[in-house]
Amino acid sequence: MTLPFKDNQVPCLTTMCVLEHIGLGRYGDPLNPTGTEDAAVEIARVIRPGGIVVYSVPVGSEEILEFNANRRFDYHQAAGLFKGWELVDSCVLTPTPVAYASAEMTKDPVACFCFRKPKR
């Protein structure tokens, strides 16, 4: 939750299948109902203008908290973690990645997003 970087320093950051766990206490972190959103704010702090963040999270037809496991987001909530940033690309991770069509397209879909921070 406190990345060891100065503001606007990091050109690219990836976080795959991590954000949905933050704040649930499963890995020794403190309980925090806004853990995912707080982590996105911390990531945004360190990414330089024009820099990239790539992340993946589980998506479904609705937001679900699976206690002591992970959060599952609806697609729009997952895509909204970096509001105001440019969506470069997104897909649903399957054996052959595909564009998002609906939450029912796979059993337990994981969506992957690539966003670019505004240059200001």
C-alpha atoms as a PDB file:
ATOM      1  CA  MET A   1       0.000   0.000   0.000  1.00  0.00           C
ATOM      2  CA  THR A   2       3.056   2.242   0.179  1.00  0.00           C
ATOM      3  CA  LEU A   3       5.139   1.671  -2.913  1.00  0.00           C
ATOM      4  CA  PRO A   4       8.839   2.558  -2.534  1.00  0.00           C
ATOM      5  CA  PHE A   5       8.820   5.066  -5.404  1.00  0.00           C
ATOM      6  CA  LYS A   6       8.533   8.836  -5.699  1.00  0.00           C
ATOM      7  CA  ASP A   7       5.463  10.435  -7.236  1.00  0.00           C
ATOM      8  CA  ASN A   8       5.260  10.196 -11.042  1.00  0.00           C
ATOM      9  CA  GLN A   9       8.426   8.085 -11.305  1.00  0.00           C
ATOM     10  CA  VAL A  10       7.470   4.643 -12.659  1.00  0.00           C
ATOM     11  CA  PRO A  11       7.040   4.230 -16.451  1.00  0.00           C
ATOM     12  CA  CYS A  12       5.113   0.937 -16.324  1.00  0.00           C
ATOM     13  CA  LEU A  13       3.605  -1.247 -13.623  1.00  0.00           C
ATOM     14  CA  THR A  14       1.825  -4.598 -13.831  1.00  0.00           C
ATOM     15  CA  THR A  15      -0.323  -6.206 -11.173  1.00  0.00           C
ATOM     16  CA  MET A  16      -1.864  -9.481 -12.234  1.00  0.00           C
ATOM     17  CA  CYS A  17      -4.448 -11.122  -9.966  1.00  0.00           C
ATOM     18  CA  VAL A  18      -3.428  -9.043  -6.933  1.00  0.00           C
ATOM     19  CA  LEU A  19      -5.747  -6.048  -6.554  1.00  0.00           C
ATOM     20  CA  GLU A  20      -8.784  -8.187  -5.709  1.00  0.00           C
ATOM     21  CA  HIS A  21      -7.053  -9.528  -2.578  1.00  0.00           C
ATOM     22  CA  ILE A  22      -5.906  -6.274  -0.973  1.00  0.00           C
ATOM     23  CA  GLY A  23      -7.639  -5.434   2.280  1.00  0.00           C
ATOM     24  CA  LEU A  24      -9.147  -8.863   2.914  1.00  0.00           C
ATOM     25  CA  GLY A  25      -6.513  -9.993   5.422  1.00  0.00           C
ATOM     26  CA  ARG A  26      -5.782 -13.292   3.741  1.00  0.00           C
ATOM     27  CA  TYR A  27      -2.098 -12.539   3.257  1.00  0.00           C
ATOM     28  CA  GLY A  28      -1.500 -10.743   6.551  1.00  0.00           C
ATOM     29  CA  ASP A  29      -2.585  -7.321   5.318  1.00  0.00           C
ATOM     30  CA  PRO A  30      -4.964  -5.265   7.485  1.00  0.00           C
ATOM     31  CA  LEU A  31      -8.686  -5.437   6.770  1.00  0.00           C
ATOM     32  CA  ASN A  32      -9.696  -2.553   4.529  1.00  0.00           C
ATOM     33  CA  PRO A  33     -13.032  -2.444   2.688  1.00  0.00           C
ATOM     34  CA  THR A  34     -11.580  -0.043   0.111  1.00  0.00           C
ATOM     35  CA  GLY A  35      -8.287  -1.921  -0.314  1.00  0.00           C
ATOM     36  CA  THR A  36      -8.524  -2.322  -4.083  1.00  0.00           C
ATOM     37  CA  GLU A  37      -9.425   1.311  -4.675  1.00  0.00           C
ATOM     38  CA  ASP A  38      -6.711   2.491  -2.253  1.00  0.00           C
ATOM     39  CA  ALA A  39      -4.150   0.348  -4.078  1.00  0.00           C
ATOM     40  CA  ALA A  40      -5.209   1.891  -7.407  1.00  0.00           C
ATOM     41  CA  VAL A  41      -4.689   5.373  -5.913  1.00  0.00           C
ATOM     42  CA  GLU A  42      -1.184   4.367  -4.757  1.00  0.00           C
ATOM     43  CA  ILE A  43      -0.361   2.951  -8.188  1.00  0.00           C
ATOM     44  CA  ALA A  44      -1.625   6.149  -9.828  1.00  0.00           C
ATOM     45  CA  ARG A  45       0.642   8.162  -7.539  1.00  0.00           C
ATOM     46  CA  VAL A  46       3.824   6.471  -8.738  1.00  0.00           C
ATOM     47  CA  ILE A  47       3.065   6.129 -12.472  1.00  0.00           C
ATOM     48  CA  ARG A  48       4.630   8.951 -14.476  1.00  0.00           C
ATOM     49  CA  PRO A  49       2.468  10.996 -16.847  1.00  0.00           C
ATOM     50  CA  GLY A  50       2.124   8.995 -20.069  1.00  0.00           C
ATOM     51  CA  GLY A  51       3.044   5.812 -18.166  1.00  0.00           C
ATOM     52  CA  ILE A  52       1.188   2.522 -18.319  1.00  0.00           C
ATOM     53  CA  VAL A  53      -0.514   0.272 -15.786  1.00  0.00           C
ATOM     54  CA  VAL A  54      -1.586  -3.267 -16.713  1.00  0.00           C
ATOM     55  CA  TYR A  55      -3.779  -5.169 -14.274  1.00  0.00           C
ATOM     56  CA  SER A  56      -6.146  -8.090 -14.116  1.00  0.00           C
ATOM     57  CA  VAL A  57      -9.045  -8.820 -11.784  1.00  0.00           C
ATOM     58  CA  PRO A  58     -11.912 -11.329 -11.688  1.00  0.00           C
ATOM     59  CA  VAL A  59     -15.122 -10.039 -13.269  1.00  0.00           C
ATOM     60  CA  GLY A  60     -18.693 -11.240 -13.195  1.00  0.00           C
ATOM     61  CA  SER A  61     -22.236 -10.002 -13.663  1.00  0.00           C
ATOM     62  CA  GLU A  62     -22.127  -8.298 -10.254  1.00  0.00           C
ATOM     63  CA  GLU A  63     -19.711  -7.292  -7.525  1.00  0.00           C
ATOM     64  CA  ILE A  64     -19.100 -10.112  -5.033  1.00  0.00           C
ATOM     65  CA  LEU A  65     -16.901 -10.352  -1.956  1.00  0.00           C
ATOM     66  CA  GLU A  66     -15.725 -13.895  -1.369  1.00  0.00           C
ATOM     67  CA  PHE A  67     -14.632 -13.519   2.254  1.00  0.00           C
ATOM     68  CA  ASN A  68     -10.949 -14.139   2.907  1.00  0.00           C
ATOM     69  CA  ALA A  69     -10.448 -14.988  -0.752  1.00  0.00           C
ATOM     70  CA  ASN A  70     -11.022 -12.157  -3.224  1.00  0.00           C
ATOM     71  CA  ARG A  71     -13.349  -9.578  -4.618  1.00  0.00           C
ATOM     72  CA  ARG A  72     -15.035 -10.081  -7.967  1.00  0.00           C
ATOM     73  CA  PHE A  73     -15.990  -6.911  -9.823  1.00  0.00           C
ATOM     74  CA  ASP A  74     -18.529  -6.148 -12.467  1.00  0.00           C
ATOM     75  CA  TYR A  75     -16.720  -5.245 -15.676  1.00  0.00           C
ATOM     76  CA  HIS A  76     -17.405  -1.504 -15.507  1.00  0.00           C
ATOM     77  CA  GLN A  77     -16.252  -1.287 -11.901  1.00  0.00           C
ATOM     78  CA  ALA A  78     -13.025  -3.111 -12.804  1.00  0.00           C
ATOM     79  CA  ALA A  79     -12.470  -0.836 -15.795  1.00  0.00           C
ATOM     80  CA  GLY A  80     -13.134   2.232 -13.631  1.00  0.00           C
ATOM     81  CA  LEU A  81     -10.223   1.825 -11.229  1.00  0.00           C
ATOM     82  CA  PHE A  82      -8.203   4.392 -13.198  1.00  0.00           C
ATOM     83  CA  LYS A  83     -10.855   7.006 -14.050  1.00  0.00           C
ATOM     84  CA  GLY A  84      -9.729   9.670 -16.478  1.00  0.00           C
ATOM     85  CA  TRP A  85      -6.933   7.519 -17.878  1.00  0.00           C
ATOM     86  CA  GLU A  86      -6.843   6.313 -21.491  1.00  0.00           C
ATOM     87  CA  LEU A  87      -7.928   2.704 -21.951  1.00  0.00           C
ATOM     88  CA  VAL A  88      -5.284   1.310 -24.307  1.00  0.00           C
ATOM     89  CA  ASP A  89      -6.618  -2.250 -24.439  1.00  0.00           C
ATOM     90  CA  SER A  90      -8.606  -4.836 -22.533  1.00  0.00           C
ATOM     91  CA  CYS A  91      -9.467  -8.493 -22.910  1.00  0.00           C
ATOM     92  CA  VAL A  92     -10.786 -11.469 -21.013  1.00  0.00           C
ATOM     93  CA  LEU A  93      -8.060 -13.947 -20.186  1.00  0.00           C
ATOM     94  CA  THR A  94      -8.989 -17.309 -21.651  1.00  0.00           C
ATOM     95  CA  PRO A  95      -6.765 -19.829 -23.422  1.00  0.00           C
ATOM     96  CA  THR A  96      -7.091 -17.436 -26.375  1.00  0.00           C
ATOM     97  CA  PRO A  97      -7.752 -13.879 -25.027  1.00  0.00           C
ATOM     98  CA  VAL A  98     -10.943 -12.336 -26.382  1.00  0.00           C
ATOM     99  CA  ALA A  99     -12.699  -8.973 -26.188  1.00  0.00           C
ATOM    100  CA  TYR A 100     -15.177  -8.621 -23.334  1.00  0.00           C
ATOM    101  CA  ALA A 101     -18.751  -9.394 -24.413  1.00  0.00           C
ATOM    102  CA  SER A 102     -20.544 -10.336 -21.180  1.00  0.00           C
ATOM    103  CA  ALA A 103     -19.839 -11.648 -17.712  1.00  0.00           C
ATOM    104  CA  GLU A 104     -21.253 -15.014 -18.717  1.00  0.00           C
ATOM    105  CA  MET A 105     -18.780 -15.584 -21.541  1.00  0.00           C
ATOM    106  CA  THR A 106     -16.569 -17.803 -19.400  1.00  0.00           C
ATOM    107  CA  LYS A 107     -17.121 -19.577 -16.087  1.00  0.00           C
ATOM    108  CA  ASP A 108     -14.900 -17.340 -13.950  1.00  0.00           C
ATOM    109  CA  PRO A 109     -13.598 -14.623 -16.243  1.00  0.00           C
ATOM    110  CA  VAL A 110     -10.539 -12.562 -15.447  1.00  0.00           C
ATOM    111  CA  ALA A 111     -10.374  -9.245 -17.266  1.00  0.00           C
ATOM    112  CA  CYS A 112      -7.061  -7.636 -18.140  1.00  0.00           C
ATOM    113  CA  PHE A 113      -6.747  -3.889 -18.692  1.00  0.00           C
ATOM    114  CA  CYS A 114      -4.026  -1.586 -19.979  1.00  0.00           C
ATOM    115  CA  PHE A 115      -4.389   2.103 -19.108  1.00  0.00           C
ATOM    116  CA  ARG A 116      -2.178   5.105 -19.893  1.00  0.00           C
ATOM    117  CA  LYS A 117      -1.920   7.947 -17.366  1.00  0.00           C
ATOM    118  CA  PRO A 118      -2.737  11.362 -18.860  1.00  0.00           C
ATOM    119  CA  LYS A 119       0.312  13.472 -19.701  1.00  0.00           C
ATOM    120  CA  ARG A 120      -1.496  16.452 -18.145  1.00  0.00           C
END
